[in-house]
């Protein structure tokens, strides 16, 4: 099993749970025997976790090449 979290907006988080499946497969032909390991993942659950709405929000990423709020104010 594998769990994954990713941010979805200001106050939401997407949670996914996967089942990882691994199996060995043999294919028989008249002239050869081919063996391979196959790995896949199956999505079992997907849930959006909603948090509270923030009173204020600012995003300084990419603003004048600065990530410091004091530099933007000055």
N, C-alpha and C. Protein backbone atom coordinates (compact mmCIF):
# COMPACT_ATOMS: atom_id res chain seq x y z
N UNK A 1 0.85 -1.16 0.00
CA UNK A 1 0.00 0.00 0.00
C UNK A 1 0.90 1.23 0.00
N UNK A 2 0.42 2.29 -0.67
CA UNK A 2 1.16 3.54 -0.76
C UNK A 2 0.18 4.68 -0.58
N UNK A 3 0.57 5.66 0.23
CA UNK A 3 -0.28 6.81 0.50
C UNK A 3 0.39 8.06 -0.06
N UNK A 4 -0.42 8.97 -0.60
CA UNK A 4 0.12 10.18 -1.24
C UNK A 4 -0.75 11.37 -0.87
N UNK A 5 -0.11 12.47 -0.47
CA UNK A 5 -0.81 13.72 -0.17
C UNK A 5 -0.33 14.78 -1.15
N UNK A 6 -1.26 15.65 -1.61
CA UNK A 6 -0.87 16.77 -2.47
C UNK A 6 -1.78 17.95 -2.17
N UNK A 7 -1.19 19.15 -2.21
CA UNK A 7 -1.94 20.37 -1.92
C UNK A 7 -2.87 20.70 -3.09
N UNK A 8 -4.09 21.09 -2.77
CA UNK A 8 -5.09 21.44 -3.77
C UNK A 8 -5.72 22.78 -3.37
N UNK A 9 -5.05 23.86 -3.65
CA UNK A 9 -5.58 25.17 -3.29
C UNK A 9 -5.09 25.63 -1.93
N UNK A 10 -5.75 26.66 -1.40
CA UNK A 10 -5.32 27.27 -0.15
C UNK A 10 -5.62 26.38 1.05
N UNK A 11 -6.76 25.76 1.09
CA UNK A 11 -7.19 25.05 2.29
C UNK A 11 -7.64 23.61 2.02
N UNK A 12 -7.15 22.99 0.96
CA UNK A 12 -7.55 21.63 0.65
C UNK A 12 -6.33 20.76 0.40
N UNK A 13 -6.45 19.49 0.81
CA UNK A 13 -5.40 18.51 0.59
C UNK A 13 -6.04 17.27 -0.03
N UNK A 14 -5.42 16.75 -1.08
CA UNK A 14 -5.91 15.54 -1.75
C UNK A 14 -5.12 14.35 -1.21
N UNK A 15 -5.83 13.35 -0.68
CA UNK A 15 -5.21 12.15 -0.13
C UNK A 15 -5.61 10.96 -0.99
N UNK A 16 -4.62 10.24 -1.48
CA UNK A 16 -4.87 9.04 -2.30
C UNK A 16 -4.16 7.85 -1.68
N UNK A 17 -4.83 6.70 -1.73
CA UNK A 17 -4.25 5.44 -1.24
C UNK A 17 -4.21 4.47 -2.41
N UNK A 18 -3.03 3.94 -2.70
CA UNK A 18 -2.82 3.02 -3.80
C UNK A 18 -2.46 1.63 -3.28
N UNK A 19 -2.84 0.62 -4.02
CA UNK A 19 -2.40 -0.75 -3.78
C UNK A 19 -1.38 -1.08 -4.87
N UNK A 20 -0.16 -1.42 -4.46
CA UNK A 20 0.86 -1.79 -5.43
C UNK A 20 0.85 -3.30 -5.60
N UNK A 21 0.71 -3.73 -6.85
CA UNK A 21 0.58 -5.15 -7.18
C UNK A 21 1.80 -5.56 -8.00
N UNK A 22 2.43 -6.66 -7.59
CA UNK A 22 3.58 -7.18 -8.32
C UNK A 22 3.36 -8.66 -8.55
N UNK A 23 3.50 -9.12 -9.78
CA UNK A 23 3.32 -10.54 -10.06
C UNK A 23 4.32 -11.01 -11.12
N UNK A 24 4.63 -12.28 -11.05
CA UNK A 24 5.51 -12.91 -12.04
C UNK A 24 4.64 -13.67 -13.03
N UNK A 25 4.87 -13.43 -14.32
CA UNK A 25 4.07 -14.03 -15.38
C UNK A 25 4.98 -14.86 -16.28
N UNK A 26 4.53 -16.05 -16.62
CA UNK A 26 5.26 -16.90 -17.57
C UNK A 26 4.39 -17.13 -18.79
N UNK A 27 4.96 -16.90 -19.95
CA UNK A 27 4.25 -17.12 -21.22
C UNK A 27 4.91 -18.30 -21.91
N UNK A 28 4.13 -19.32 -22.14
CA UNK A 28 4.65 -20.52 -22.80
C UNK A 28 4.31 -20.49 -24.28
N UNK A 29 5.32 -20.62 -25.09
CA UNK A 29 5.14 -20.72 -26.54
C UNK A 29 5.74 -22.05 -26.98
N UNK A 30 5.47 -22.48 -28.19
CA UNK A 30 6.04 -23.76 -28.63
C UNK A 30 7.58 -23.79 -28.64
N UNK A 31 8.21 -22.61 -28.77
CA UNK A 31 9.67 -22.59 -28.90
C UNK A 31 10.38 -21.92 -27.74
N UNK A 32 9.64 -21.29 -26.84
CA UNK A 32 10.31 -20.51 -25.79
C UNK A 32 9.41 -20.38 -24.56
N UNK A 33 10.04 -20.07 -23.45
CA UNK A 33 9.34 -19.79 -22.21
C UNK A 33 9.78 -18.39 -21.76
N UNK A 34 8.86 -17.43 -21.73
CA UNK A 34 9.19 -16.04 -21.41
C UNK A 34 8.64 -15.73 -20.02
N UNK A 35 9.52 -15.27 -19.13
CA UNK A 35 9.11 -14.90 -17.77
C UNK A 35 9.34 -13.41 -17.56
N UNK A 36 8.36 -12.74 -17.00
CA UNK A 36 8.45 -11.30 -16.75
C UNK A 36 7.82 -11.00 -15.40
N UNK A 37 8.32 -9.92 -14.77
CA UNK A 37 7.70 -9.41 -13.56
C UNK A 37 6.92 -8.16 -13.93
N UNK A 38 5.66 -8.13 -13.57
CA UNK A 38 4.78 -7.00 -13.90
C UNK A 38 4.41 -6.28 -12.60
N UNK A 39 4.58 -4.96 -12.59
CA UNK A 39 4.25 -4.15 -11.43
C UNK A 39 3.24 -3.10 -11.85
N UNK A 40 2.21 -2.92 -11.03
CA UNK A 40 1.17 -1.93 -11.33
C UNK A 40 0.62 -1.41 -10.01
N UNK A 41 -0.04 -0.27 -10.06
CA UNK A 41 -0.70 0.25 -8.86
C UNK A 41 -2.15 0.56 -9.18
N UNK A 42 -3.00 0.31 -8.19
CA UNK A 42 -4.44 0.50 -8.34
C UNK A 42 -4.89 1.51 -7.29
N UNK A 43 -5.63 2.53 -7.74
CA UNK A 43 -6.15 3.53 -6.81
C UNK A 43 -7.29 2.93 -6.01
N UNK A 44 -7.14 2.89 -4.68
CA UNK A 44 -8.18 2.34 -3.82
C UNK A 44 -9.11 3.41 -3.27
N UNK A 45 -8.53 4.57 -2.91
CA UNK A 45 -9.31 5.60 -2.26
C UNK A 45 -8.75 6.98 -2.62
N UNK A 46 -9.66 7.93 -2.78
CA UNK A 46 -9.28 9.31 -3.03
C UNK A 46 -10.20 10.19 -2.18
N UNK A 47 -9.60 11.09 -1.40
CA UNK A 47 -10.38 11.90 -0.48
C UNK A 47 -9.81 13.33 -0.48
N UNK A 48 -10.69 14.32 -0.48
CA UNK A 48 -10.28 15.71 -0.36
C UNK A 48 -10.52 16.13 1.08
N UNK A 49 -9.45 16.55 1.75
CA UNK A 49 -9.53 17.02 3.13
C UNK A 49 -9.62 18.54 3.07
N UNK A 50 -10.73 19.08 3.58
CA UNK A 50 -10.97 20.52 3.53
C UNK A 50 -10.65 21.11 4.89
N UNK A 51 -9.79 22.13 4.88
CA UNK A 51 -9.44 22.83 6.11
C UNK A 51 -10.26 24.10 6.25
N UNK A 52 -9.94 24.86 7.29
CA UNK A 52 -10.63 26.12 7.51
C UNK A 52 -10.23 27.16 6.48
N UNK A 53 -11.07 28.15 6.29
CA UNK A 53 -10.78 29.24 5.35
C UNK A 53 -9.91 30.26 6.07
N UNK A 54 -8.73 30.58 5.52
CA UNK A 54 -7.85 31.53 6.20
C UNK A 54 -8.41 32.96 6.16
N UNK A 55 -8.08 33.74 7.21
CA UNK A 55 -8.50 35.15 7.25
C UNK A 55 -7.76 35.98 6.22
N UNK A 56 -6.48 35.69 6.03
CA UNK A 56 -5.67 36.41 5.03
C UNK A 56 -4.82 35.40 4.27
N UNK A 57 -4.43 35.80 3.08
CA UNK A 57 -3.60 34.95 2.24
C UNK A 57 -2.76 35.83 1.34
N UNK A 58 -1.48 35.55 1.26
CA UNK A 58 -0.63 36.25 0.30
C UNK A 58 0.33 35.25 -0.32
N UNK A 59 0.64 35.49 -1.56
CA UNK A 59 1.54 34.63 -2.30
C UNK A 59 2.58 35.52 -2.95
N UNK A 60 3.79 35.49 -2.43
CA UNK A 60 4.86 36.34 -2.95
C UNK A 60 5.74 35.62 -3.95
N UNK A 61 5.43 34.39 -4.24
CA UNK A 61 6.26 33.63 -5.18
C UNK A 61 6.23 34.27 -6.56
N UNK A 62 7.38 34.58 -7.08
CA UNK A 62 7.48 35.18 -8.41
C UNK A 62 7.25 36.68 -8.43
N UNK A 63 7.02 37.31 -7.29
CA UNK A 63 6.79 38.75 -7.24
C UNK A 63 8.12 39.47 -7.16
N UNK A 64 8.53 40.12 -8.22
CA UNK A 64 9.80 40.86 -8.30
C UNK A 64 11.01 39.98 -7.99
N UNK A 65 10.89 38.70 -8.14
CA UNK A 65 12.00 37.80 -7.89
C UNK A 65 12.34 37.68 -6.41
N UNK A 66 11.48 38.15 -5.52
CA UNK A 66 11.77 38.13 -4.09
C UNK A 66 10.73 37.29 -3.37
N UNK A 67 11.19 36.61 -2.31
CA UNK A 67 10.27 35.84 -1.51
C UNK A 67 10.17 36.42 -0.10
N UNK A 68 10.74 37.60 0.12
CA UNK A 68 10.71 38.24 1.43
C UNK A 68 9.69 39.38 1.42
N UNK A 69 8.74 39.35 2.34
CA UNK A 69 7.66 40.35 2.36
C UNK A 69 8.21 41.73 2.64
N UNK A 70 9.26 41.85 3.43
CA UNK A 70 9.82 43.18 3.75
C UNK A 70 10.41 43.86 2.51
N UNK A 71 11.02 43.09 1.63
CA UNK A 71 11.59 43.66 0.41
C UNK A 71 10.49 44.17 -0.50
N UNK A 72 9.36 43.54 -0.54
CA UNK A 72 8.26 43.97 -1.40
C UNK A 72 7.64 45.26 -0.86
N UNK A 73 7.52 45.38 0.47
CA UNK A 73 6.93 46.57 1.08
C UNK A 73 7.81 47.78 0.86
N UNK A 74 9.12 47.63 1.02
CA UNK A 74 10.05 48.74 0.85
C UNK A 74 10.11 49.10 -0.59
